[in-house]
Amino acid sequence: MDDTFQIRVHAAAVAAWWTFLIASAFFAFQWITYLGVMATQPLWVVSFWGPGATWESIRTVWFQALVFLKLTLWLLVLAALWLTLWAKQLRKRARSA
């Protein structure tokens, strides 16, 4: 097995886990912001969303975006886990060969 390929798969796994970590931090920040804004309901948020925006529509759209982000994070975890296991298997085969 080519060592450079093994190194690249391992690097991709590490990059995926770092991406997951950063995205999780962003998700936590977004969730805390969501809770804060929905609790206080400042007027500038409605004007920022534009004419015709209501708190119900803002709440729905924001929450759906958070759900989409969470589902995307699960897919990222599956990809990172698969890359990690693949890199481990490649390393094991390289040692036995």
N, C-alpha and C. Protein backbone atom coordinates (compact mmCIF):
# COMPACT_ATOMS: atom_id res chain seq x y z
N MET A 1 0.85 -1.18 0.00
CA MET A 1 0.00 0.00 0.00
C MET A 1 0.89 1.23 0.00
N ASP A 2 0.47 2.24 -0.72
CA ASP A 2 1.23 3.47 -0.84
C ASP A 2 1.14 4.26 0.46
N ASP A 3 2.30 4.65 1.01
CA ASP A 3 2.31 5.38 2.27
C ASP A 3 1.70 6.77 2.14
N THR A 4 1.86 7.40 0.99
CA THR A 4 1.30 8.74 0.81
C THR A 4 -0.22 8.70 0.84
N PHE A 5 -0.81 7.63 0.30
CA PHE A 5 -2.26 7.50 0.34
C PHE A 5 -2.75 7.33 1.77
N GLN A 6 -2.05 6.52 2.53
CA GLN A 6 -2.39 6.31 3.93
C GLN A 6 -2.29 7.62 4.71
N ILE A 7 -1.26 8.38 4.45
CA ILE A 7 -1.08 9.67 5.12
C ILE A 7 -2.19 10.64 4.74
N ARG A 8 -2.60 10.62 3.49
CA ARG A 8 -3.67 11.53 3.04
C ARG A 8 -5.02 11.15 3.64
N VAL A 9 -5.29 9.86 3.76
CA VAL A 9 -6.55 9.44 4.37
C VAL A 9 -6.56 9.85 5.85
N HIS A 10 -5.43 9.65 6.51
CA HIS A 10 -5.33 10.05 7.92
C HIS A 10 -5.49 11.57 8.07
N ALA A 11 -4.87 12.32 7.17
CA ALA A 11 -4.99 13.78 7.22
C ALA A 11 -6.44 14.22 6.96
N ALA A 12 -7.13 13.53 6.07
CA ALA A 12 -8.53 13.85 5.81
C ALA A 12 -9.39 13.55 7.03
N ALA A 13 -9.08 12.47 7.75
CA ALA A 13 -9.83 12.14 8.96
C ALA A 13 -9.60 13.21 10.03
N VAL A 14 -8.37 13.63 10.20
CA VAL A 14 -8.06 14.67 11.19
C VAL A 14 -8.76 15.98 10.81
N ALA A 15 -8.73 16.32 9.54
CA ALA A 15 -9.38 17.55 9.08
C ALA A 15 -10.89 17.48 9.30
N ALA A 16 -11.48 16.31 9.09
CA ALA A 16 -12.92 16.15 9.30
C ALA A 16 -13.27 16.33 10.78
N TRP A 17 -12.45 15.78 11.67
CA TRP A 17 -12.73 15.94 13.09
C TRP A 17 -12.55 17.40 13.54
N TRP A 18 -11.56 18.10 13.00
CA TRP A 18 -11.40 19.51 13.33
C TRP A 18 -12.58 20.33 12.80
N THR A 19 -13.03 20.00 11.60
CA THR A 19 -14.19 20.69 11.04
C THR A 19 -15.42 20.46 11.90
N PHE A 20 -15.58 19.23 12.37
CA PHE A 20 -16.69 18.92 13.26
C PHE A 20 -16.60 19.72 14.56
N LEU A 21 -15.42 19.82 15.11
CA LEU A 21 -15.23 20.56 16.35
C LEU A 21 -15.59 22.04 16.18
N ILE A 22 -15.10 22.64 15.11
CA ILE A 22 -15.39 24.05 14.84
C ILE A 22 -16.87 24.26 14.55
N ALA A 23 -17.47 23.36 13.77
CA ALA A 23 -18.89 23.47 13.46
C ALA A 23 -19.75 23.28 14.71
N SER A 24 -19.33 22.41 15.61
CA SER A 24 -20.06 22.23 16.87
C SER A 24 -20.00 23.48 17.72
N ALA A 25 -18.86 24.14 17.76
CA ALA A 25 -18.74 25.39 18.51
C ALA A 25 -19.64 26.46 17.89
N PHE A 26 -19.66 26.53 16.56
CA PHE A 26 -20.54 27.48 15.88
C PHE A 26 -22.01 27.16 16.16
N PHE A 27 -22.35 25.88 16.17
CA PHE A 27 -23.72 25.47 16.45
C PHE A 27 -24.12 25.86 17.88
N ALA A 28 -23.22 25.66 18.83
CA ALA A 28 -23.52 26.04 20.21
C ALA A 28 -23.71 27.55 20.32
N PHE A 29 -22.87 28.32 19.66
CA PHE A 29 -23.01 29.78 19.65
C PHE A 29 -24.34 30.18 19.02
N GLN A 30 -24.70 29.55 17.93
CA GLN A 30 -25.95 29.86 17.23
C GLN A 30 -27.15 29.53 18.12
N TRP A 31 -27.08 28.42 18.82
CA TRP A 31 -28.19 28.01 19.68
C TRP A 31 -28.35 28.98 20.86
N ILE A 32 -27.25 29.38 21.47
CA ILE A 32 -27.31 30.34 22.58
C ILE A 32 -27.85 31.68 22.09
N THR A 33 -27.42 32.11 20.91
CA THR A 33 -27.93 33.34 20.32
C THR A 33 -29.43 33.23 20.05
N TYR A 34 -29.85 32.08 19.53
CA TYR A 34 -31.27 31.85 19.27
C TYR A 34 -32.08 31.98 20.56
N LEU A 35 -31.61 31.34 21.62
CA LEU A 35 -32.33 31.41 22.89
C LEU A 35 -32.38 32.84 23.44
N GLY A 36 -31.26 33.55 23.32
CA GLY A 36 -31.24 34.93 23.79
C GLY A 36 -32.14 35.85 23.01
N VAL A 37 -32.12 35.73 21.70
CA VAL A 37 -32.96 36.60 20.86
C VAL A 37 -34.43 36.28 21.04
N MET A 38 -34.77 35.00 21.13
CA MET A 38 -36.18 34.63 21.30
C MET A 38 -36.71 35.02 22.67
N ALA A 39 -35.84 35.08 23.67
CA ALA A 39 -36.28 35.48 25.01
C ALA A 39 -36.52 36.99 25.09
N THR A 40 -35.65 37.78 24.45
CA THR A 40 -35.77 39.24 24.55
C THR A 40 -36.60 39.85 23.42
N GLN A 41 -36.60 39.25 22.26
CA GLN A 41 -37.32 39.71 21.07
C GLN A 41 -37.10 41.20 20.80
N PRO A 42 -35.85 41.59 20.52
CA PRO A 42 -35.58 43.00 20.24
C PRO A 42 -36.20 43.44 18.90
N LEU A 43 -36.57 44.70 18.83
CA LEU A 43 -37.25 45.21 17.64
C LEU A 43 -36.35 45.25 16.41
N TRP A 44 -35.04 45.43 16.61
CA TRP A 44 -34.14 45.53 15.47
C TRP A 44 -34.05 44.22 14.70
N VAL A 45 -34.35 43.10 15.35
CA VAL A 45 -34.30 41.81 14.64
C VAL A 45 -35.41 41.73 13.61
N VAL A 46 -36.60 42.18 13.96
CA VAL A 46 -37.72 42.17 13.01
C VAL A 46 -37.44 43.09 11.84
N SER A 47 -36.87 44.26 12.11
CA SER A 47 -36.56 45.18 11.02
C SER A 47 -35.41 44.64 10.16
N PHE A 48 -34.51 43.89 10.77
CA PHE A 48 -33.41 43.28 10.02
C PHE A 48 -33.93 42.23 9.04
N TRP A 49 -34.97 41.49 9.43
CA TRP A 49 -35.53 40.45 8.57
C TRP A 49 -36.38 41.03 7.45
N GLY A 50 -36.81 42.27 7.59
CA GLY A 50 -37.54 42.92 6.51
C GLY A 50 -39.01 43.10 6.81
N PRO A 51 -39.70 43.78 5.89
CA PRO A 51 -41.13 44.04 6.11
C PRO A 51 -41.93 42.74 6.03
N GLY A 52 -42.92 42.65 6.86
CA GLY A 52 -43.78 41.47 6.86
C GLY A 52 -43.27 40.33 7.73
N ALA A 53 -42.10 40.51 8.33
CA ALA A 53 -41.56 39.46 9.19
C ALA A 53 -42.26 39.48 10.54
N THR A 54 -42.59 38.32 11.02
CA THR A 54 -43.18 38.18 12.35
C THR A 54 -42.26 37.32 13.19
N TRP A 55 -42.48 37.37 14.48
CA TRP A 55 -41.64 36.56 15.36
C TRP A 55 -41.87 35.08 15.12
N GLU A 56 -43.07 34.72 14.74
CA GLU A 56 -43.35 33.31 14.45
C GLU A 56 -42.57 32.83 13.22
N SER A 57 -42.54 33.67 12.17
CA SER A 57 -41.79 33.27 10.97
C SER A 57 -40.29 33.26 11.23
N ILE A 58 -39.79 34.23 12.00
CA ILE A 58 -38.37 34.25 12.35
C ILE A 58 -38.00 33.01 13.16
N ARG A 59 -38.84 32.68 14.13
CA ARG A 59 -38.60 31.51 14.97
C ARG A 59 -38.58 30.23 14.13
N THR A 60 -39.51 30.11 13.20
CA THR A 60 -39.60 28.91 12.36
C THR A 60 -38.39 28.77 11.45
N VAL A 61 -38.03 29.83 10.77
CA VAL A 61 -36.90 29.77 9.83
C VAL A 61 -35.59 29.52 10.57
N TRP A 62 -35.39 30.20 11.66
CA TRP A 62 -34.15 30.05 12.42
C TRP A 62 -34.03 28.64 12.99
N PHE A 63 -35.13 28.12 13.52
CA PHE A 63 -35.11 26.78 14.09
C PHE A 63 -34.87 25.74 13.00
N GLN A 64 -35.48 25.90 11.83
CA GLN A 64 -35.25 24.97 10.72
C GLN A 64 -33.80 25.01 10.26
N ALA A 65 -33.19 26.18 10.27
CA ALA A 65 -31.77 26.27 9.92
C ALA A 65 -30.91 25.55 10.95
N LEU A 66 -31.26 25.65 12.22
CA LEU A 66 -30.51 24.92 13.25
C LEU A 66 -30.66 23.41 13.09
N VAL A 67 -31.86 22.96 12.75
CA VAL A 67 -32.08 21.52 12.53
C VAL A 67 -31.26 21.05 11.33
N PHE A 68 -31.25 21.82 10.25
CA PHE A 68 -30.46 21.46 9.08
C PHE A 68 -28.98 21.37 9.42
N LEU A 69 -28.49 22.32 10.20
CA LEU A 69 -27.09 22.30 10.61
C LEU A 69 -26.78 21.07 11.45
N LYS A 70 -27.68 20.72 12.33
CA LYS A 70 -27.48 19.54 13.18
C LYS A 70 -27.44 18.26 12.33
N LEU A 71 -28.33 18.14 11.36
CA LEU A 71 -28.31 16.97 10.48
C LEU A 71 -27.02 16.91 9.67
N THR A 72 -26.55 18.06 9.23
CA THR A 72 -25.30 18.11 8.49
C THR A 72 -24.12 17.68 9.36
N LEU A 73 -24.17 18.07 10.64
CA LEU A 73 -23.11 17.64 11.56
C LEU A 73 -23.09 16.13 11.74
N TRP A 74 -24.26 15.51 11.75
CA TRP A 74 -24.30 14.05 11.87
C TRP A 74 -23.68 13.39 10.64
N LEU A 75 -23.93 13.93 9.47
CA LEU A 75 -23.30 13.38 8.26
C LEU A 75 -21.79 13.57 8.31
N LEU A 76 -21.35 14.70 8.82
CA LEU A 76 -19.92 14.94 8.96
C LEU A 76 -19.28 13.96 9.94
N VAL A 77 -19.98 13.66 11.02
CA VAL A 77 -19.47 12.68 11.99
C VAL A 77 -19.34 11.30 11.34
N LEU A 78 -20.32 10.91 10.56
CA LEU A 78 -20.25 9.61 9.88
C LEU A 78 -19.07 9.56 8.91
N ALA A 79 -18.86 10.63 8.17
CA ALA A 79 -17.73 10.68 7.24
C ALA A 79 -16.41 10.66 7.98
N ALA A 80 -16.30 11.40 9.07
CA ALA A 80 -15.06 11.43 9.86
C ALA A 80 -14.79 10.07 10.48
N LEU A 81 -15.81 9.43 10.98
CA LEU A 81 -15.65 8.10 11.56
C LEU A 81 -15.21 7.10 10.51
N TRP A 82 -15.81 7.16 9.34
CA TRP A 82 -15.43 6.25 8.25
C TRP A 82 -13.98 6.49 7.83
N LEU A 83 -13.58 7.74 7.69
CA LEU A 83 -12.20 8.03 7.33
C LEU A 83 -11.22 7.57 8.41
N THR A 84 -11.60 7.73 9.67
CA THR A 84 -10.73 7.30 10.77
C THR A 84 -10.55 5.78 10.75
N LEU A 85 -11.64 5.07 10.58
CA LEU A 85 -11.54 3.61 10.55
C LEU A 85 -10.78 3.13 9.32
N TRP A 86 -10.96 3.80 8.20
CA TRP A 86 -10.24 3.43 6.98
C TRP A 86 -8.75 3.67 7.14
N ALA A 87 -8.37 4.80 7.74
CA ALA A 87 -6.96 5.10 7.97
C ALA A 87 -6.34 4.07 8.91
N LYS A 88 -7.08 3.67 9.91
CA LYS A 88 -6.59 2.66 10.85
C LYS A 88 -6.39 1.32 10.14
N GLN A 89 -7.32 0.95 9.28
CA GLN A 89 -7.21 -0.30 8.53
C GLN A 89 -6.02 -0.24 7.56
N LEU A 90 -5.81 0.88 6.91
CA LEU A 90 -4.67 1.02 6.01
C LEU A 90 -3.36 0.91 6.77
N ARG A 91 -3.28 1.50 7.94
CA ARG A 91 -2.08 1.43 8.76
C ARG A 91 -1.81 -0.01 9.19
N LYS A 92 -2.89 -0.71 9.54
CA LYS A 92 -2.73 -2.11 9.97
C LYS A 92 -2.26 -2.99 8.81
N ARG A 93 -2.77 -2.77 7.62
CA ARG A 93 -2.34 -3.54 6.45
C ARG A 93 -0.91 -3.22 6.06
N ALA A 94 -0.50 -1.97 6.23
CA ALA A 94 0.87 -1.58 5.88
C ALA A 94 1.87 -2.24 6.82
N ARG A 95 1.50 -2.41 8.08
CA ARG A 95 2.41 -3.08 9.03
C ARG A 95 2.54 -4.55 8.76
N SER A 96 1.44 -5.20 8.36
CA SER A 96 1.48 -6.64 8.14
C SER A 96 2.12 -7.00 6.79
N ALA A 97 2.16 -6.06 5.86
CA ALA A 97 2.73 -6.35 4.54
C ALA A 97 4.23 -6.22 4.50
